[in-house]
Amino acid sequence: MPSGSIKRLVRDRGFGFIRDDAGQEWFFHRSSVQGSFDQLNEGQRVTFDEEPSAKGPRAGNVRTAD
């Protein structure tokens, strides 16, 4: 399961980006967050699943790495 940290959140539009431990960036939508999107913060550690996407790397089942 990939892990990384929240690089950027765009709260008013409901999405963000994760930078994984290898340096790759992943897009995620608020609907893919397990828990509350509003509780996420930039720099916070998360784990996620890889999802297929025609537009590039996409993270699904995003959850905090407690």
PDB file of N, CA and C in Angstrom:
ATOM      1  N   MET A   1       0.853  -1.172   0.000  1.00  0.00           N
ATOM      2  CA  MET A   1       0.000   0.000   0.000  1.00  0.00           C
ATOM      3  C   MET A   1       0.903   1.242   0.000  1.00  0.00           C
ATOM      4  N   PRO A   2       0.752   2.112  -0.990  1.00  0.00           N
ATOM      5  CA  PRO A   2       1.578   3.325  -1.036  1.00  0.00           C
ATOM      6  C   PRO A   2       1.281   4.267   0.132  1.00  0.00           C
ATOM      7  N   SER A   3       2.279   5.047   0.488  1.00  0.00           N
ATOM      8  CA  SER A   3       2.089   6.062   1.522  1.00  0.00           C
ATOM      9  C   SER A   3       2.822   7.327   1.101  1.00  0.00           C
ATOM     10  N   GLY A   4       2.446   8.429   1.719  1.00  0.00           N
ATOM     11  CA  GLY A   4       3.070   9.708   1.416  1.00  0.00           C
ATOM     12  C   GLY A   4       2.492  10.781   2.307  1.00  0.00           C
ATOM     13  N   SER A   5       2.608  12.031   1.874  1.00  0.00           N
ATOM     14  CA  SER A   5       2.066  13.138   2.658  1.00  0.00           C
ATOM     15  C   SER A   5       1.262  14.066   1.748  1.00  0.00           C
ATOM     16  N   ILE A   6       0.319  14.748   2.355  1.00  0.00           N
ATOM     17  CA  ILE A   6      -0.519  15.696   1.612  1.00  0.00           C
ATOM     18  C   ILE A   6       0.364  16.855   1.172  1.00  0.00           C
ATOM     19  N   LYS A   7       0.464  17.039  -0.128  1.00  0.00           N
ATOM     20  CA  LYS A   7       1.273  18.138  -0.663  1.00  0.00           C
ATOM     21  C   LYS A   7       0.458  19.419  -0.740  1.00  0.00           C
ATOM     22  N   ARG A   8      -0.781  19.295  -1.226  1.00  0.00           N
ATOM     23  CA  ARG A   8      -1.618  20.484  -1.422  1.00  0.00           C
ATOM     24  C   ARG A   8      -3.085  20.095  -1.307  1.00  0.00           C
ATOM     25  N   LEU A   9      -3.863  20.951  -0.647  1.00  0.00           N
ATOM     26  CA  LEU A   9      -5.308  20.787  -0.558  1.00  0.00           C
ATOM     27  C   LEU A   9      -5.983  21.986  -1.188  1.00  0.00           C
ATOM     28  N   VAL A  10      -7.003  21.713  -1.988  1.00  0.00           N
ATOM     29  CA  VAL A  10      -7.829  22.767  -2.565  1.00  0.00           C
ATOM     30  C   VAL A  10      -9.226  22.530  -1.978  1.00  0.00           C
ATOM     31  N   ARG A  11      -9.409  23.030  -0.763  1.00  0.00           N
ATOM     32  CA  ARG A  11     -10.629  22.724   0.001  1.00  0.00           C
ATOM     33  C   ARG A  11     -11.911  23.175  -0.694  1.00  0.00           C
ATOM     34  N   ASP A  12     -11.901  24.380  -1.275  1.00  0.00           N
ATOM     35  CA  ASP A  12     -13.135  24.894  -1.878  1.00  0.00           C
ATOM     36  C   ASP A  12     -13.554  24.112  -3.121  1.00  0.00           C
ATOM     37  N   ARG A  13     -12.635  23.359  -3.719  1.00  0.00           N
ATOM     38  CA  ARG A  13     -12.963  22.560  -4.901  1.00  0.00           C
ATOM     39  C   ARG A  13     -13.003  21.059  -4.589  1.00  0.00           C
ATOM     40  N   GLY A  14     -12.600  20.685  -3.370  1.00  0.00           N
ATOM     41  CA  GLY A  14     -12.740  19.300  -2.927  1.00  0.00           C
ATOM     42  C   GLY A  14     -11.734  18.309  -3.471  1.00  0.00           C
ATOM     43  N   PHE A  15     -10.500  18.743  -3.658  1.00  0.00           N
ATOM     44  CA  PHE A  15      -9.477  17.804  -4.094  1.00  0.00           C
ATOM     45  C   PHE A  15      -8.119  18.198  -3.535  1.00  0.00           C
ATOM     46  N   GLY A  16      -7.149  17.330  -3.786  1.00  0.00           N
ATOM     47  CA  GLY A  16      -5.798  17.614  -3.318  1.00  0.00           C
ATOM     48  C   GLY A  16      -4.791  16.735  -4.013  1.00  0.00           C
ATOM     49  N   PHE A  17      -3.539  16.857  -3.572  1.00  0.00           N
ATOM     50  CA  PHE A  17      -2.446  16.084  -4.145  1.00  0.00           C
ATOM     51  C   PHE A  17      -1.603  15.493  -3.022  1.00  0.00           C
ATOM     52  N   ILE A  18      -1.160  14.273  -3.249  1.00  0.00           N
ATOM     53  CA  ILE A  18      -0.296  13.565  -2.321  1.00  0.00           C
ATOM     54  C   ILE A  18       1.057  13.386  -3.003  1.00  0.00           C
ATOM     55  N   ARG A  19       2.137  13.577  -2.261  1.00  0.00           N
ATOM     56  CA  ARG A  19       3.468  13.222  -2.759  1.00  0.00           C
ATOM     57  C   ARG A  19       3.861  11.945  -2.033  1.00  0.00           C
ATOM     58  N   ASP A  20       4.060  10.873  -2.816  1.00  0.00           N
ATOM     59  CA  ASP A  20       4.407   9.599  -2.176  1.00  0.00           C
ATOM     60  C   ASP A  20       5.877   9.587  -1.758  1.00  0.00           C
ATOM     61  N   ASP A  21       6.280   8.532  -1.099  1.00  0.00           N
ATOM     62  CA  ASP A  21       7.632   8.439  -0.546  1.00  0.00           C
ATOM     63  C   ASP A  21       8.712   8.389  -1.628  1.00  0.00           C
ATOM     64  N   ALA A  22       8.314   8.069  -2.875  1.00  0.00           N
ATOM     65  CA  ALA A  22       9.263   8.040  -3.994  1.00  0.00           C
ATOM     66  C   ALA A  22       9.294   9.369  -4.747  1.00  0.00           C
ATOM     67  N   GLY A  23       8.429  10.323  -4.350  1.00  0.00           N
ATOM     68  CA  GLY A  23       8.422  11.641  -4.977  1.00  0.00           C
ATOM     69  C   GLY A  23       7.368  11.833  -6.049  1.00  0.00           C
ATOM     70  N   GLN A  24       6.580  10.802  -6.360  1.00  0.00           N
ATOM     71  CA  GLN A  24       5.522  10.926  -7.367  1.00  0.00           C
ATOM     72  C   GLN A  24       4.303  11.618  -6.759  1.00  0.00           C
ATOM     73  N   GLU A  25       3.622  12.433  -7.566  1.00  0.00           N
ATOM     74  CA  GLU A  25       2.419  13.123  -7.106  1.00  0.00           C
ATOM     75  C   GLU A  25       1.166  12.388  -7.558  1.00  0.00           C
ATOM     76  N   TRP A  26       0.191  12.340  -6.653  1.00  0.00           N
ATOM     77  CA  TRP A  26      -1.075  11.647  -6.883  1.00  0.00           C
ATOM     78  C   TRP A  26      -2.224  12.615  -6.637  1.00  0.00           C
ATOM     79  N   PHE A  27      -3.178  12.660  -7.539  1.00  0.00           N
ATOM     80  CA  PHE A  27      -4.405  13.431  -7.372  1.00  0.00           C
ATOM     81  C   PHE A  27      -5.366  12.621  -6.512  1.00  0.00           C
ATOM     82  N   PHE A  28      -6.153  13.295  -5.680  1.00  0.00           N
ATOM     83  CA  PHE A  28      -7.259  12.616  -4.994  1.00  0.00           C
ATOM     84  C   PHE A  28      -8.434  13.570  -4.860  1.00  0.00           C
ATOM     85  N   HIS A  29      -9.629  12.994  -4.873  1.00  0.00           N
ATOM     86  CA  HIS A  29     -10.872  13.750  -4.715  1.00  0.00           C
ATOM     87  C   HIS A  29     -11.425  13.487  -3.320  1.00  0.00           C
ATOM     88  N   ARG A  30     -12.176  14.438  -2.806  1.00  0.00           N
ATOM     89  CA  ARG A  30     -12.727  14.290  -1.452  1.00  0.00           C
ATOM     90  C   ARG A  30     -13.551  13.019  -1.288  1.00  0.00           C
ATOM     91  N   SER A  31     -14.166  12.542  -2.358  1.00  0.00           N
ATOM     92  CA  SER A  31     -14.976  11.319  -2.273  1.00  0.00           C
ATOM     93  C   SER A  31     -14.125  10.073  -2.035  1.00  0.00           C
ATOM     94  N   SER A  32     -12.818  10.154  -2.254  1.00  0.00           N
ATOM     95  CA  SER A  32     -11.946   9.001  -2.045  1.00  0.00           C
ATOM     96  C   SER A  32     -11.313   8.975  -0.653  1.00  0.00           C
ATOM     97  N   VAL A  33     -11.652   9.944   0.182  1.00  0.00           N
ATOM     98  CA  VAL A  33     -11.078  10.025   1.539  1.00  0.00           C
ATOM     99  C   VAL A  33     -11.925   9.186   2.493  1.00  0.00           C
ATOM    100  N   GLN A  34     -11.258   8.315   3.226  1.00  0.00           N
ATOM    101  CA  GLN A  34     -11.922   7.530   4.265  1.00  0.00           C
ATOM    102  C   GLN A  34     -11.896   8.370   5.537  1.00  0.00           C
ATOM    103  N   GLY A  35     -13.025   8.874   5.936  1.00  0.00           N
ATOM    104  CA  GLY A  35     -13.092   9.811   7.053  1.00  0.00           C
ATOM    105  C   GLY A  35     -13.486  11.180   6.516  1.00  0.00           C
ATOM    106  N   SER A  36     -12.999  12.213   7.137  1.00  0.00           N
ATOM    107  CA  SER A  36     -13.392  13.573   6.779  1.00  0.00           C
ATOM    108  C   SER A  36     -12.305  14.300   5.976  1.00  0.00           C
ATOM    109  N   PHE A  37     -12.657  14.740   4.780  1.00  0.00           N
ATOM    110  CA  PHE A  37     -11.748  15.535   3.958  1.00  0.00           C
ATOM    111  C   PHE A  37     -11.344  16.802   4.703  1.00  0.00           C
ATOM    112  N   ASP A  38     -12.289  17.395   5.429  1.00  0.00           N
ATOM    113  CA  ASP A  38     -12.037  18.645   6.139  1.00  0.00           C
ATOM    114  C   ASP A  38     -11.047  18.498   7.285  1.00  0.00           C
ATOM    115  N   GLN A  39     -10.783  17.272   7.716  1.00  0.00           N
ATOM    116  CA  GLN A  39      -9.829  17.021   8.806  1.00  0.00           C
ATOM    117  C   GLN A  39      -8.395  16.860   8.300  1.00  0.00           C
ATOM    118  N   LEU A  40      -8.206  16.773   6.973  1.00  0.00           N
ATOM    119  CA  LEU A  40      -6.860  16.619   6.423  1.00  0.00           C
ATOM    120  C   LEU A  40      -6.114  17.950   6.436  1.00  0.00           C
ATOM    121  N   ASN A  41      -4.794  17.858   6.570  1.00  0.00           N
ATOM    122  CA  ASN A  41      -3.931  19.043   6.567  1.00  0.00           C
ATOM    123  C   ASN A  41      -2.727  18.793   5.673  1.00  0.00           C
ATOM    124  N   GLU A  42      -2.219  19.847   5.073  1.00  0.00           N
ATOM    125  CA  GLU A  42      -1.010  19.728   4.268  1.00  0.00           C
ATOM    126  C   GLU A  42       0.131  19.251   5.155  1.00  0.00           C
ATOM    127  N   GLY A  43       0.924  18.317   4.635  1.00  0.00           N
ATOM    128  CA  GLY A  43       2.024  17.734   5.388  1.00  0.00           C
ATOM    129  C   GLY A  43       1.653  16.480   6.157  1.00  0.00           C
ATOM    130  N   GLN A  44       0.367  16.195   6.280  1.00  0.00           N
ATOM    131  CA  GLN A  44      -0.102  15.032   7.035  1.00  0.00           C
ATOM    132  C   GLN A  44       0.220  13.740   6.275  1.00  0.00           C
ATOM    133  N   ARG A  45       0.645  12.716   7.000  1.00  0.00           N
ATOM    134  CA  ARG A  45       0.947  11.413   6.409  1.00  0.00           C
ATOM    135  C   ARG A  45      -0.334  10.651   6.129  1.00  0.00           C
ATOM    136  N   VAL A  46      -0.391  10.014   4.955  1.00  0.00           N
ATOM    137  CA  VAL A  46      -1.544   9.219   4.549  1.00  0.00           C
ATOM    138  C   VAL A  46      -1.090   7.957   3.836  1.00  0.00           C
ATOM    139  N   THR A  47      -1.988   6.984   3.781  1.00  0.00           N
ATOM    140  CA  THR A  47      -1.812   5.807   2.937  1.00  0.00           C
ATOM    141  C   THR A  47      -2.954   5.823   1.937  1.00  0.00           C
ATOM    142  N   PHE A  48      -2.784   5.104   0.824  1.00  0.00           N
ATOM    143  CA  PHE A  48      -3.810   5.134  -0.218  1.00  0.00           C
ATOM    144  C   PHE A  48      -3.649   3.938  -1.145  1.00  0.00           C
ATOM    145  N   ASP A  49      -4.658   3.729  -1.978  1.00  0.00           N
ATOM    146  CA  ASP A  49      -4.624   2.701  -3.005  1.00  0.00           C
ATOM    147  C   ASP A  49      -4.460   3.383  -4.357  1.00  0.00           C
ATOM    148  N   GLU A  50      -3.838   2.694  -5.290  1.00  0.00           N
ATOM    149  CA  GLU A  50      -3.702   3.208  -6.646  1.00  0.00           C
ATOM    150  C   GLU A  50      -5.005   2.953  -7.399  1.00  0.00           C
ATOM    151  N   GLU A  51      -5.496   3.973  -8.124  1.00  0.00           N
ATOM    152  CA  GLU A  51      -6.695   3.840  -8.940  1.00  0.00           C
ATOM    153  C   GLU A  51      -6.345   4.150 -10.387  1.00  0.00           C
ATOM    154  N   PRO A  52      -6.954   3.428 -11.327  1.00  0.00           N
ATOM    155  CA  PRO A  52      -6.705   3.743 -12.730  1.00  0.00           C
ATOM    156  C   PRO A  52      -7.318   5.090 -13.101  1.00  0.00           C
ATOM    157  N   SER A  53      -6.609   5.824 -13.948  1.00  0.00           N
ATOM    158  CA  SER A  53      -7.102   7.126 -14.400  1.00  0.00           C
ATOM    159  C   SER A  53      -6.420   7.473 -15.711  1.00  0.00           C
ATOM    160  N   ALA A  54      -7.181   7.996 -16.645  1.00  0.00           N
ATOM    161  CA  ALA A  54      -6.630   8.407 -17.940  1.00  0.00           C
ATOM    162  C   ALA A  54      -5.813   9.690 -17.813  1.00  0.00           C
ATOM    163  N   LYS A  55      -5.998  10.422 -16.718  1.00  0.00           N
ATOM    164  CA  LYS A  55      -5.337  11.718 -16.540  1.00  0.00           C
ATOM    165  C   LYS A  55      -4.056  11.647 -15.723  1.00  0.00           C
ATOM    166  N   GLY A  56      -3.655  10.474 -15.277  1.00  0.00           N
ATOM    167  CA  GLY A  56      -2.441  10.357 -14.480  1.00  0.00           C
ATOM    168  C   GLY A  56      -2.702   9.663 -13.168  1.00  0.00           C
ATOM    169  N   PRO A  57      -1.692   9.587 -12.289  1.00  0.00           N
ATOM    170  CA  PRO A  57      -1.829   8.865 -11.029  1.00  0.00           C
ATOM    171  C   PRO A  57      -2.958   9.420 -10.150  1.00  0.00           C
ATOM    172  N   ARG A  58      -3.802   8.518  -9.685  1.00  0.00           N
ATOM    173  CA  ARG A  58      -4.927   8.905  -8.842  1.00  0.00           C
ATOM    174  C   ARG A  58      -4.954   8.012  -7.606  1.00  0.00           C
ATOM    175  N   ALA A  59      -5.157   8.627  -6.455  1.00  0.00           N
ATOM    176  CA  ALA A  59      -5.208   7.901  -5.183  1.00  0.00           C
ATOM    177  C   ALA A  59      -6.656   7.640  -4.781  1.00  0.00           C
ATOM    178  N   GLY A  60      -6.921   6.460  -4.294  1.00  0.00           N
ATOM    179  CA  GLY A  60      -8.227   6.103  -3.775  1.00  0.00           C
ATOM    180  C   GLY A  60      -8.093   5.577  -2.362  1.00  0.00           C
ATOM    181  N   ASN A  61      -9.190   5.522  -1.650  1.00  0.00           N
ATOM    182  CA  ASN A  61      -9.188   5.032  -0.258  1.00  0.00           C
ATOM    183  C   ASN A  61      -8.103   5.715   0.568  1.00  0.00           C
ATOM    184  N   VAL A  62      -8.052   7.026   0.475  1.00  0.00           N
ATOM    185  CA  VAL A  62      -7.059   7.807   1.210  1.00  0.00           C
ATOM    186  C   VAL A  62      -7.419   7.811   2.696  1.00  0.00           C
ATOM    187  N   ARG A  63      -6.450   7.459   3.529  1.00  0.00           N
ATOM    188  CA  ARG A  63      -6.695   7.450   4.975  1.00  0.00           C
ATOM    189  C   ARG A  63      -5.439   7.899   5.709  1.00  0.00           C
ATOM    190  N   THR A  64      -5.654   8.469   6.858  1.00  0.00           N
ATOM    191  CA  THR A  64      -4.515   8.976   7.632  1.00  0.00           C
ATOM    192  C   THR A  64      -3.667   7.808   8.112  1.00  0.00           C
ATOM    193  N   ALA A  65      -2.369   8.038   8.178  1.00  0.00           N
ATOM    194  CA  ALA A  65      -1.423   7.008   8.632  1.00  0.00           C
ATOM    195  C   ALA A  65      -1.113   7.286  10.098  1.00  0.00           C
ATOM    196  N   ASP A  66      -2.012   6.836  10.955  1.00  0.00           N
ATOM    197  CA  ASP A  66      -1.874   7.111  12.396  1.00  0.00           C
ATOM    198  C   ASP A  66      -0.662   6.485  12.962  1.00  0.00           C
TER     199      ASP A  66
END
